[in-house]
Every structure is written in C-alpha cells, then in structure tokens.
Protein backbone atom coordinates (compact mmCIF):
# COMPACT_ATOMS: atom_id res chain seq x y z
CA UNK A 1 -87.52 14.44 -45.13
CA UNK A 2 -87.80 12.27 -41.98
CA UNK A 3 -87.52 8.69 -40.62
CA UNK A 4 -90.28 7.17 -38.51
CA UNK A 5 -89.31 3.86 -36.90
CA UNK A 6 -92.08 1.32 -36.29
CA UNK A 7 -91.41 -1.44 -33.72
CA UNK A 8 -92.24 -4.95 -34.97
CA UNK A 9 -92.82 -8.22 -33.14
CA UNK A 10 -89.79 -9.71 -31.20
CA UNK A 11 -88.85 -13.29 -31.97
CA UNK A 12 -86.20 -14.66 -29.69
CA UNK A 13 -83.18 -12.38 -29.41
CA UNK A 14 -83.90 -10.46 -32.66
CA UNK A 15 -86.55 -7.88 -33.56
CA UNK A 16 -87.88 -6.48 -36.77
CA UNK A 17 -88.05 -2.59 -37.07
CA UNK A 18 -90.07 -1.00 -39.76
CA UNK A 19 -88.89 2.41 -40.80
CA UNK A 20 -90.92 4.81 -42.98
CA UNK A 21 -89.29 7.34 -45.36
CA UNK A 22 -91.22 10.17 -46.94
CA UNK A 23 -90.01 11.41 -50.34
CA UNK A 24 -91.25 14.63 -51.94
CA UNK A 25 -91.06 15.12 -55.63
CA UNK A 26 -90.58 18.33 -57.50
CA UNK A 27 -94.27 18.92 -58.08
CA UNK A 28 -95.20 18.61 -54.39
CA UNK A 29 -96.33 14.95 -54.41
CA UNK A 30 -95.33 12.96 -51.37
CA UNK A 31 -94.44 9.24 -51.51
CA UNK A 32 -93.90 7.12 -48.34
CA UNK A 33 -91.45 4.13 -48.49
CA UNK A 34 -91.26 1.54 -45.69
CA UNK A 35 -88.07 -0.40 -44.87
CA UNK A 36 -87.84 -3.39 -42.56
CA UNK A 37 -84.56 -3.96 -40.57
CA UNK A 38 -83.56 -6.86 -38.22
CA UNK A 39 -81.60 -5.87 -35.08
CA UNK A 40 -80.11 -7.95 -32.20
CA UNK A 41 -81.54 -7.28 -28.76
CA UNK A 42 -80.37 -8.29 -25.28
CA UNK A 43 -81.92 -11.35 -23.82
CA UNK A 44 -83.58 -11.75 -20.50
CA UNK A 45 -80.96 -14.25 -19.13
CA UNK A 46 -77.82 -12.85 -17.38
CA UNK A 47 -74.29 -14.36 -18.01
CA UNK A 48 -72.41 -15.77 -14.88
CA UNK A 49 -68.36 -15.45 -14.32
CA UNK A 50 -66.85 -18.94 -14.06
CA UNK A 51 -65.06 -20.06 -10.88
CA UNK A 52 -61.74 -20.61 -12.51
CA UNK A 53 -61.76 -17.00 -13.62
CA UNK A 54 -62.30 -15.82 -10.04
CA UNK A 55 -59.46 -18.09 -8.87
CA UNK A 56 -57.13 -16.77 -11.55
CA UNK A 57 -58.02 -13.22 -10.62
CA UNK A 58 -57.14 -13.91 -6.97
CA UNK A 59 -53.77 -15.37 -7.92
CA UNK A 60 -52.91 -12.46 -10.18
CA UNK A 61 -53.89 -10.04 -7.46
CA UNK A 62 -51.73 -11.80 -4.86
CA UNK A 63 -48.80 -11.89 -7.24
CA UNK A 64 -49.12 -8.15 -7.91
CA UNK A 65 -49.24 -7.40 -4.17
CA UNK A 66 -46.18 -9.51 -3.54
CA UNK A 67 -44.31 -7.86 -6.34
CA UNK A 68 -45.16 -4.46 -5.05
CA UNK A 69 -43.95 -5.33 -1.52
CA UNK A 70 -40.69 -6.76 -2.93
CA UNK A 71 -40.03 -3.60 -4.91
CA UNK A 72 -40.66 -1.62 -1.71
CA UNK A 73 -38.13 -3.60 0.24
CA UNK A 74 -35.55 -3.27 -2.57
CA UNK A 75 -36.14 0.43 -2.73
CA UNK A 76 -35.72 0.72 1.08
CA UNK A 77 -32.43 -1.19 0.84
CA UNK A 78 -31.13 1.02 -1.91
CA UNK A 79 -31.86 4.19 0.08
CA UNK A 80 -29.76 2.91 3.05
CA UNK A 81 -26.09 4.09 2.89
CA UNK A 82 -23.58 1.33 2.12
CA UNK A 83 -21.14 0.11 4.73
CA UNK A 84 -17.77 1.88 4.16
CA UNK A 85 -14.46 0.00 4.44
CA UNK A 86 -11.96 1.84 6.68
CA UNK A 87 -8.69 1.18 8.47
CA UNK A 88 -8.73 1.79 12.21
CA UNK A 89 -6.20 1.90 15.08
CA UNK A 90 -6.33 2.11 18.89
CA UNK A 91 -5.40 5.24 20.77
CA UNK A 92 -2.19 4.39 22.68
CA UNK A 93 -0.56 6.05 25.72
CA UNK A 94 3.20 6.43 26.31
CA UNK A 95 5.90 8.95 27.30
CA UNK A 96 7.09 11.13 24.44
CA UNK A 97 9.43 14.16 24.27
CA UNK A 98 8.53 17.87 23.98
CA UNK A 99 10.98 19.20 21.42
CA UNK A 100 12.04 21.74 18.84
CA UNK A 101 13.51 20.65 15.47
CA UNK A 102 16.29 22.78 14.05
CA UNK A 103 19.02 22.58 11.44
CA UNK A 104 22.63 22.78 12.63
CA UNK A 105 26.25 22.04 11.82
CA UNK A 106 28.92 20.04 13.63
CA UNK A 107 32.09 21.61 14.93
CA UNK A 108 35.31 20.02 16.26
CA UNK A 109 35.44 19.72 20.02
CA UNK A 110 39.11 20.80 19.98
CA UNK A 111 41.18 22.36 17.18
CA UNK A 112 44.93 22.65 17.55
CA UNK A 113 47.33 24.21 15.07
CA UNK A 114 50.66 22.53 15.58
CA UNK A 115 53.57 24.98 15.32
CA UNK A 116 57.36 24.69 15.83
CA UNK A 117 58.67 26.10 19.09
CA UNK A 118 62.28 25.94 18.08
CA UNK A 119 63.94 26.79 14.82
CA UNK A 120 65.55 24.22 12.62
CA UNK A 121 65.29 21.68 9.82
CA UNK A 122 62.58 19.02 9.80
CA UNK A 123 64.37 15.72 9.46
CA UNK A 124 61.43 13.21 9.94
CA UNK A 125 57.66 12.94 9.73
CA UNK A 126 55.98 10.25 11.78
CA UNK A 127 52.27 10.22 10.75
CA UNK A 128 50.09 9.86 7.70
CA UNK A 129 47.86 12.70 6.56
CA UNK A 130 44.30 12.22 7.86
CA UNK A 131 45.38 9.64 10.44
CA UNK A 132 43.88 9.36 13.91
CA UNK A 133 46.46 10.35 16.47
CA UNK A 134 46.56 10.20 20.21
CA UNK A 135 47.98 12.63 22.74
CA UNK A 136 51.75 12.27 22.91
CA UNK A 137 52.14 10.62 19.48
CA UNK A 138 55.34 11.85 17.63
CA UNK A 139 54.51 13.96 14.61
CA UNK A 140 57.67 15.73 13.39
CA UNK A 141 61.39 15.73 14.34
CA UNK A 142 63.43 18.91 14.05
CA UNK A 143 67.24 18.46 13.85
CA UNK A 144 68.18 18.27 17.55
CA UNK A 145 71.93 18.39 17.27
CA UNK A 146 72.48 22.13 17.92
CA UNK A 147 70.14 22.00 20.89
CA UNK A 148 71.79 18.84 22.24
CA UNK A 149 75.18 20.53 22.14
CA UNK A 150 73.80 23.54 23.95
CA UNK A 151 72.32 21.20 26.52
CA UNK A 152 75.66 19.46 27.07
CA UNK A 153 77.39 22.75 27.53
CA UNK A 154 74.75 23.89 29.99
CA UNK A 155 75.03 20.63 31.90
CA UNK A 156 78.82 20.91 32.09
CA UNK A 157 78.58 24.43 33.44
CA UNK A 158 75.98 23.31 35.96
CA UNK A 159 78.31 20.49 37.15
CA UNK A 160 81.25 22.90 37.53
CA UNK A 161 79.10 25.36 39.48
CA UNK A 162 77.92 22.61 41.77
CA UNK A 163 81.65 21.67 42.54
CA UNK A 164 82.42 25.35 43.26
CA UNK A 165 79.37 25.60 45.56
CA UNK A 166 80.47 22.50 47.47
CA UNK A 167 83.99 23.89 47.97
CA UNK A 168 82.67 27.28 49.09
CA UNK A 169 80.36 25.53 51.48
CA UNK A 170 83.30 23.70 53.20
CA UNK A 171 85.34 26.90 53.39
CA UNK A 172 82.45 28.81 54.84
CA UNK A 173 82.03 26.20 57.50
CA UNK A 174 85.65 26.86 58.61
CA UNK A 175 85.25 30.71 58.29
CA UNK A 176 87.97 30.70 55.73
CA UNK A 177 86.11 32.34 52.80
CA UNK A 178 84.11 35.51 52.76
CA UNK A 179 80.29 35.27 52.88
CA UNK A 180 80.11 37.10 49.50
CA UNK A 181 82.05 34.30 47.78
CA UNK A 182 79.76 31.68 49.16
CA UNK A 183 76.63 33.58 48.00
CA UNK A 184 78.08 34.02 44.54
CA UNK A 185 78.86 30.31 44.24
CA UNK A 186 75.38 29.43 45.31
CA UNK A 187 73.80 31.80 42.76
CA UNK A 188 75.94 30.51 39.93
CA UNK A 189 74.92 26.94 40.73
CA UNK A 190 71.29 27.75 40.53
CA UNK A 191 71.71 29.77 37.29
CA UNK A 192 73.55 26.92 35.62
CA UNK A 193 70.84 24.50 36.68
CA UNK A 194 68.21 26.68 35.06
CA UNK A 195 70.20 27.02 31.87
CA UNK A 196 70.62 23.28 31.67
CA UNK A 197 66.83 22.86 32.16
CA UNK A 198 66.11 25.39 29.39
CA UNK A 199 68.51 23.63 27.06
CA UNK A 200 66.68 20.34 27.84
CA UNK A 201 63.35 21.97 26.92
CA UNK A 202 64.69 23.09 23.60
CA UNK A 203 65.89 19.54 22.91
CA UNK A 204 62.41 18.25 23.74
CA UNK A 205 60.79 20.83 21.43
CA UNK A 206 62.68 19.16 18.56
CA UNK A 207 60.35 16.29 18.90
CA UNK A 208 56.89 17.67 18.04
CA UNK A 209 54.14 15.59 19.55
CA UNK A 210 50.29 15.68 19.35
CA UNK A 211 48.78 17.66 22.20
CA UNK A 212 45.29 16.10 21.87
CA UNK A 213 43.43 13.04 20.68
CA UNK A 214 42.00 13.72 17.21
CA UNK A 215 42.39 13.45 13.47
CA UNK A 216 45.36 14.91 11.70
CA UNK A 217 44.73 17.12 8.71
CA UNK A 218 46.91 17.68 5.68
CA UNK A 219 50.54 18.46 6.54
CA UNK A 220 51.75 21.87 5.53
CA UNK A 221 55.48 21.19 5.55
CA UNK A 222 57.67 18.33 4.39
CA UNK A 223 60.91 16.86 5.49
CA UNK A 224 63.79 19.23 4.68
CA UNK A 225 61.91 22.44 5.32
CA UNK A 226 63.36 24.99 7.73
CA UNK A 227 60.84 26.10 10.38
CA UNK A 228 60.98 28.99 12.67
CA UNK A 229 60.17 28.85 16.37
CA UNK A 230 59.50 32.55 16.89
CA UNK A 231 56.57 32.97 19.17
CA UNK A 232 53.47 34.23 17.38
CA UNK A 233 55.04 34.06 13.94
CA UNK A 234 55.86 30.40 13.61
CA UNK A 235 54.52 28.49 10.60
CA UNK A 236 51.64 26.12 11.14
CA UNK A 237 52.84 22.55 10.44
CA UNK A 238 49.59 20.66 10.92
CA UNK A 239 46.01 21.07 12.18
CA UNK A 240 44.47 18.42 14.43
CA UNK A 241 40.77 18.34 15.28
CA UNK A 242 39.22 16.47 18.17
CA UNK A 243 36.14 14.55 16.95
CA UNK A 244 35.00 12.64 20.03
CA UNK A 245 32.90 14.23 21.46
CA UNK A 246 31.85 16.75 18.83
CA UNK A 247 29.96 19.99 19.09
CA UNK A 248 26.52 20.46 17.51
CA UNK A 249 25.84 24.13 16.74
CA UNK A 250 22.26 25.33 15.94
CA UNK A 251 19.99 28.26 16.53
CA UNK A 252 16.69 28.74 18.36
CA UNK A 253 14.07 31.09 16.91
CA UNK A 254 13.20 34.17 18.96
CA UNK A 255 9.55 33.06 19.12
CA UNK A 256 10.59 29.76 20.80
CA UNK A 257 12.89 31.45 23.28
CA UNK A 258 10.25 31.71 26.04
CA UNK A 259 9.49 27.96 25.79
CA UNK A 260 13.24 27.14 25.88
CA UNK A 261 13.82 29.38 28.92
CA UNK A 262 10.89 27.68 30.70
CA UNK A 263 12.70 24.28 30.68
CA UNK A 264 16.32 25.55 30.52
CA UNK A 265 18.40 23.84 33.27
CA UNK A 266 15.89 20.99 33.72
CA UNK A 267 17.00 17.39 33.94
CA UNK A 268 15.36 16.39 30.71
CA UNK A 269 16.94 18.98 28.45
CA UNK A 270 18.94 17.08 25.82
CA UNK A 271 20.29 17.60 22.31
CA UNK A 272 19.60 14.82 19.75
CA UNK A 273 21.66 14.89 16.59
CA UNK A 274 20.59 13.16 13.36
CA UNK A 275 22.81 12.54 10.38
CA UNK A 276 21.55 14.09 7.14
CA UNK A 277 21.01 10.73 5.47
CA UNK A 278 19.71 8.88 8.50
CA UNK A 279 22.24 6.07 7.97
CA UNK A 280 23.35 6.16 11.56
CA UNK A 281 21.22 6.16 14.72
CA UNK A 282 20.62 9.54 16.34
CA UNK A 283 23.11 10.65 18.97
CA UNK A 284 21.86 12.00 22.31
CA UNK A 285 23.97 14.64 23.97
CA UNK A 286 23.78 17.51 26.46
CA UNK A 287 23.07 21.17 25.91
CA UNK A 288 26.46 22.82 26.43
CA UNK A 289 25.84 26.51 25.70
CA UNK A 290 23.06 29.01 24.74
CA UNK A 291 23.89 32.59 23.86
CA UNK A 292 22.87 35.51 26.03
CA UNK A 293 21.52 37.70 23.17
CA UNK A 294 19.38 37.43 20.08
CA UNK A 295 21.25 37.86 16.90
CA UNK A 296 20.18 41.09 15.16
CA UNK A 297 18.73 40.63 11.72
CA UNK A 298 18.11 36.85 11.98
CA UNK A 299 16.02 36.84 15.18
CA UNK A 300 17.69 33.71 16.47
CA UNK A 301 19.80 32.63 19.47
CA UNK A 302 22.94 30.52 19.12
CA UNK A 303 23.06 27.27 21.00
CA UNK A 304 25.58 24.38 21.17
CA UNK A 305 25.34 20.77 22.23
CA UNK A 306 27.96 18.16 23.04
CA UNK A 307 27.41 14.88 21.19
CA UNK A 308 29.26 11.54 21.59
CA UNK A 309 30.99 10.59 18.46
CA UNK A 310 33.17 7.51 19.19
CA UNK A 311 33.05 6.17 15.59
CA UNK A 312 33.69 9.59 14.04
CA UNK A 313 30.54 9.38 11.98
CA UNK A 314 29.90 13.09 12.42
CA UNK A 315 32.39 15.52 10.88
CA UNK A 316 33.10 19.17 11.46
CA UNK A 317 31.08 21.60 9.29
CA UNK A 318 28.63 18.82 8.33
CA UNK A 319 24.97 19.82 8.23
CA UNK A 320 22.81 17.79 10.59
CA UNK A 321 19.23 17.81 11.95
CA UNK A 322 19.02 18.75 15.56
CA UNK A 323 16.23 18.08 18.02
CA UNK A 324 16.33 20.11 21.21
CA UNK A 325 14.42 18.00 23.78
CA UNK A 326 13.01 20.25 26.48
CA UNK A 327 10.93 17.81 28.54
CA UNK A 328 9.08 14.47 28.59
CA UNK A 329 5.33 14.31 28.29
CA UNK A 330 4.06 11.59 30.56
CA UNK A 331 1.28 9.21 29.27
CA UNK A 332 0.61 11.19 26.06
CA UNK A 333 -2.27 9.99 23.91
CA UNK A 334 -1.03 9.04 20.44
CA UNK A 335 -2.83 8.23 17.20
CA UNK A 336 -1.54 7.78 13.56
CA UNK A 337 -1.04 11.18 12.06
CA UNK A 338 -3.42 10.34 9.18
CA UNK A 339 -6.32 10.03 11.64
CA UNK A 340 -6.32 13.75 12.27
CA UNK A 341 -8.39 15.58 9.67
CA UNK A 342 -8.88 19.32 9.12
CA UNK A 343 -12.19 20.98 8.40
CA UNK A 344 -13.54 24.56 8.49
CA UNK A 345 -14.37 24.01 12.20
CA UNK A 346 -10.90 22.82 13.01
CA UNK A 347 -9.13 19.49 13.54
CA UNK A 348 -11.28 16.39 14.10
CA UNK A 349 -11.05 12.58 14.30
CA UNK A 350 -13.62 9.91 13.45
CA UNK A 351 -14.10 7.64 16.48
CA UNK A 352 -15.71 4.21 15.92
CA UNK A 353 -18.50 3.17 18.34
CA UNK A 354 -19.13 -0.44 19.47
CA UNK A 355 -21.91 -0.81 16.82
CA UNK A 356 -19.38 0.00 14.07
CA UNK A 357 -20.78 3.51 13.46
CA UNK A 358 -18.55 6.53 13.64
CA UNK A 359 -18.71 9.73 15.63
CA UNK A 360 -16.94 12.99 14.79
CA UNK A 361 -14.82 14.35 17.57
CA UNK A 362 -13.17 17.83 17.60
CA UNK A 363 -9.58 17.35 18.92
CA UNK A 364 -6.58 19.46 19.86
CA UNK A 365 -3.48 17.89 18.13
CA UNK A 366 0.03 18.23 19.50
CA UNK A 367 3.46 17.47 18.08
CA UNK A 368 4.21 14.66 15.65
CA UNK A 369 6.39 11.92 17.05
CA UNK A 370 8.61 9.23 15.53
CA UNK A 371 6.83 6.33 13.93
CA UNK A 372 4.12 8.40 12.12
CA UNK A 373 2.31 9.15 15.39
CA UNK A 374 0.78 12.37 16.66
CA UNK A 375 0.03 13.58 20.11
CA UNK A 376 -3.65 14.39 20.77
CA UNK A 377 -3.99 16.71 23.76
CA UNK A 378 -7.75 16.42 24.02
CA UNK A 379 -10.74 14.78 22.30
CA UNK A 380 -9.93 11.09 22.55
CA UNK A 381 -9.03 8.68 25.31
CA UNK A 382 -6.57 5.78 25.43
CA UNK A 383 -8.09 2.49 24.15
CA UNK A 384 -10.66 4.15 21.77
CA UNK A 385 -10.65 3.18 18.16
CA UNK A 386 -10.16 5.87 15.53
CA UNK A 387 -10.48 5.85 11.76
CA UNK A 388 -7.09 6.20 10.02
CA UNK A 389 -7.99 6.13 6.31
CA UNK A 390 -11.25 6.31 4.44
CA UNK A 391 -12.61 9.42 6.09
CA UNK A 392 -13.62 11.07 2.82
CA UNK A 393 -16.85 9.03 2.49
CA UNK A 394 -17.81 9.23 6.13
CA UNK A 395 -20.39 11.22 8.18
CA UNK A 396 -21.46 10.95 11.73
CA UNK A 397 -23.49 7.73 12.14
CA UNK A 398 -22.09 5.98 9.02
CA UNK A 399 -21.73 2.27 9.25
CA UNK A 400 -18.16 1.09 8.64
CA UNK A 401 -16.37 -2.17 7.96
CA UNK A 402 -13.14 -1.79 10.07
CA UNK A 403 -9.78 -3.40 9.24
CA UNK A 404 -6.64 -2.94 11.35
CA UNK A 405 -4.20 -0.25 10.24
CA UNK A 406 -0.50 -1.01 9.86
CA UNK A 407 1.86 2.02 9.60
CA UNK A 408 4.33 -0.05 7.62
CA UNK A 409 3.79 -2.88 5.18
CA UNK A 410 6.55 -5.41 4.32
CA UNK A 411 5.61 -5.14 0.61
CA UNK A 412 6.47 -1.51 0.70
CA UNK A 413 2.91 -0.17 0.17
CA UNK A 414 -0.49 0.02 1.60
CA UNK A 415 -2.64 -3.04 1.94
CA UNK A 416 -5.56 -3.73 -0.38
CA UNK A 417 -7.96 -2.69 2.44
CA UNK A 418 -6.19 0.65 2.72
CA UNK A 419 -6.47 1.27 -1.02
CA UNK A 420 -10.12 0.40 -1.08
CA UNK A 421 -10.82 2.77 1.84
CA UNK A 422 -9.17 5.69 0.12
C-alpha cells in the first residue's frame, strides 16, 4: 500500500495536491483511489518589522542593561565591609610610680603598759576608757599619805643634818673639832638629802601619769584596788597605744627582693597605705625597716613603713592595702587598660590612622595605674589614637566610626556608643 502525491496548480497562497492510494483486494485485484487536498503555501512577499517595535526593543534593552549595572553596584556595596563603631582615646604621657602592691596590717607606733611603781590603794581615776590622752595627763592616784609622811620625816632629818654640818663647819674653821667629826656631819647631810629626794619620788609615783600621746585602752583596775609596786611583778593598770604616726607592716615576696634592693635607699622610695574600704584618701609615708633575712617557709621578707595618722583613721591590727613605691617613671605612655588586647602572638593595640582605618600594633604593656590606665613600654607614641572598645569586629585596614572614650560616665554606665561597639 503506498501514497503518491500529485502536485496541482497553485492559485494564490493555496495549492491543490492530488494523492493516489492503491488498494489490493483479497483476490489480487488492485484499485487506485485519488484524493485531492488543499494546503497553504508561503507567498512570495516578505513581512517587514514595524519601527515602533524596533524602538520598543531598544528601550527594553537599555532598561535591562541599566538594571544589570545597578545590581552590580549594589553587589559591590554589599561585599565591602561595614564601618564599625568604636570608642577611641589618645595616648597620654605623664610621670607614674613603679610600685609593688602588698597586703599588710597596722601596728601602734608606741605601746605602753602602765604599771604602779609604788604599792598602795587606788583612790581616784582621771580618764575615760578609750579616751585620747596626752603625755603628762593624770591617769590614777594611789593613796599618797604614807609616802608623804615618809617624805616629811626625810626632809626633817635632812634639815637637822644640815644644821649639824653648819656647826661642824664653824668649829672646823677654829680647829676646835676633829676632822673626823666634820667629815661625818658632811656625809650625814648628803645622805639625808638623798633620802628626802627618794621620798619625794615615791610621793610623785602616787600620781600615775601618761608617758606618751595615744589612746587609752580598757582599764584593768578600779578605784579601791590595792596595787603592788614591785619591779617586774607589778600589775598592769592600763595599756596606751600611740596612733600618730602608725606603723604599716607588710611583706615583700622573695622574687621581688632583687627589684626592691635595686631602689632601696633611693629618694623616691615611699610606702602608701590604703584603707580596706577606700573611704579615706591613701596615706603616703616612709619605709622605716626591711628585714635582713627571708622568712623560711613563706619566702617573704618583713618590711615596715611609718604612716601619718593624725585623724586616727587607721587602727592597730587593721588589714590595709600597701603600695611600696620604688621609683618614678618619667613621661610614661599611658592608654586605657581596655585598649590592650591579648592574642596568640602576644599583647596588641589597634591604632587608628588619619583615614579612620585601624592598624594592629604589637605592644609591651607595663603596670596598671590609678584611673584605669596602663603603661605601654613600647608600640605606641604619645598623641596617637587607640581603640578602647569594639576590637572584636576589627581587623587591620577596617574602617571605623570613632567616638571619644570616657573612663567614667555620670549615669554610672557606659554610653550608648560604647554598648554598640561591644
């Protein structure tokens, strides 16, 4: 079975196609059937694109190019790192101390245990417990009557011996008396004078006075008690401690001993004492004593300073913070302590350049100073600007938005710029 197309005559844009089909029957006869179909053909004239279509195409192409360029600029902007807000401060220069911080205790400058020097009954007390007393103030009175009687007797004997000596002197001038009698009279006169002086001392000892300026403790005897004046075994009546000045006792570690010895005896060696609650200003005193041996077991050396204490703000046995100032560092470079960061390579600081980008500088930090400052021995120069907060998001070359750093804030916290830089 097969199809045989026959091309017909073209009329306009259509053409007739005659197709023949051969059919075979079962007995071998062949029948041919012709079918005519009309199909559309392409004409000779070509279609033209209108001008408005070309214009529209140019506009769409220009819009697409502009959109592509805009997306490229936005993509370039998003790939640039953002400007980081930071707080910055200037590197300053001033004189600061080289010091060692220790823990110490205060000790009384003088401690006196008042004892009776004559025996007798206490008949009066002239102070209040815990009162400040001055040298010479009357504290106790022991019954002076027995001693006054002994004094009067000694004075009478001394007067008699003086009369005898005068008589013997006149007789000796006329060679009437023997030289031995004159010598005896002269010795008796001196002996009686000494006895009268000793009796006067005993009378004075009945009036017990303060030997130093200080603060009285709690009395240990009351009026009516009998006290003994035996030397070495007399009862303690009262303890007085001198509080101005006051000692500051502390220790220096064995590892710091070489540094201390380097500056020991220098003009700048001082001892600064801080109260434990910082309610009073620190007191600056002098180094009074440093021991000549290291304490076995503790590895420390005892030291003592003398601290002014006119208001008695420091008390004996009170724990205090002690700063042993060894020397003064001239023109030290100082930065806020937060500016110094630590990495695997060591301490570093971010320094801001004039174009508001940062540079990473390795530094050698020194001691911390009062006011949240730290000494930087090398790595920065006075007048340079360093980053204090916001270092976590920084890298060398990062653009920053600097704001001035304030170590203290009246509101009691960090500023909003500091919080945003964290």
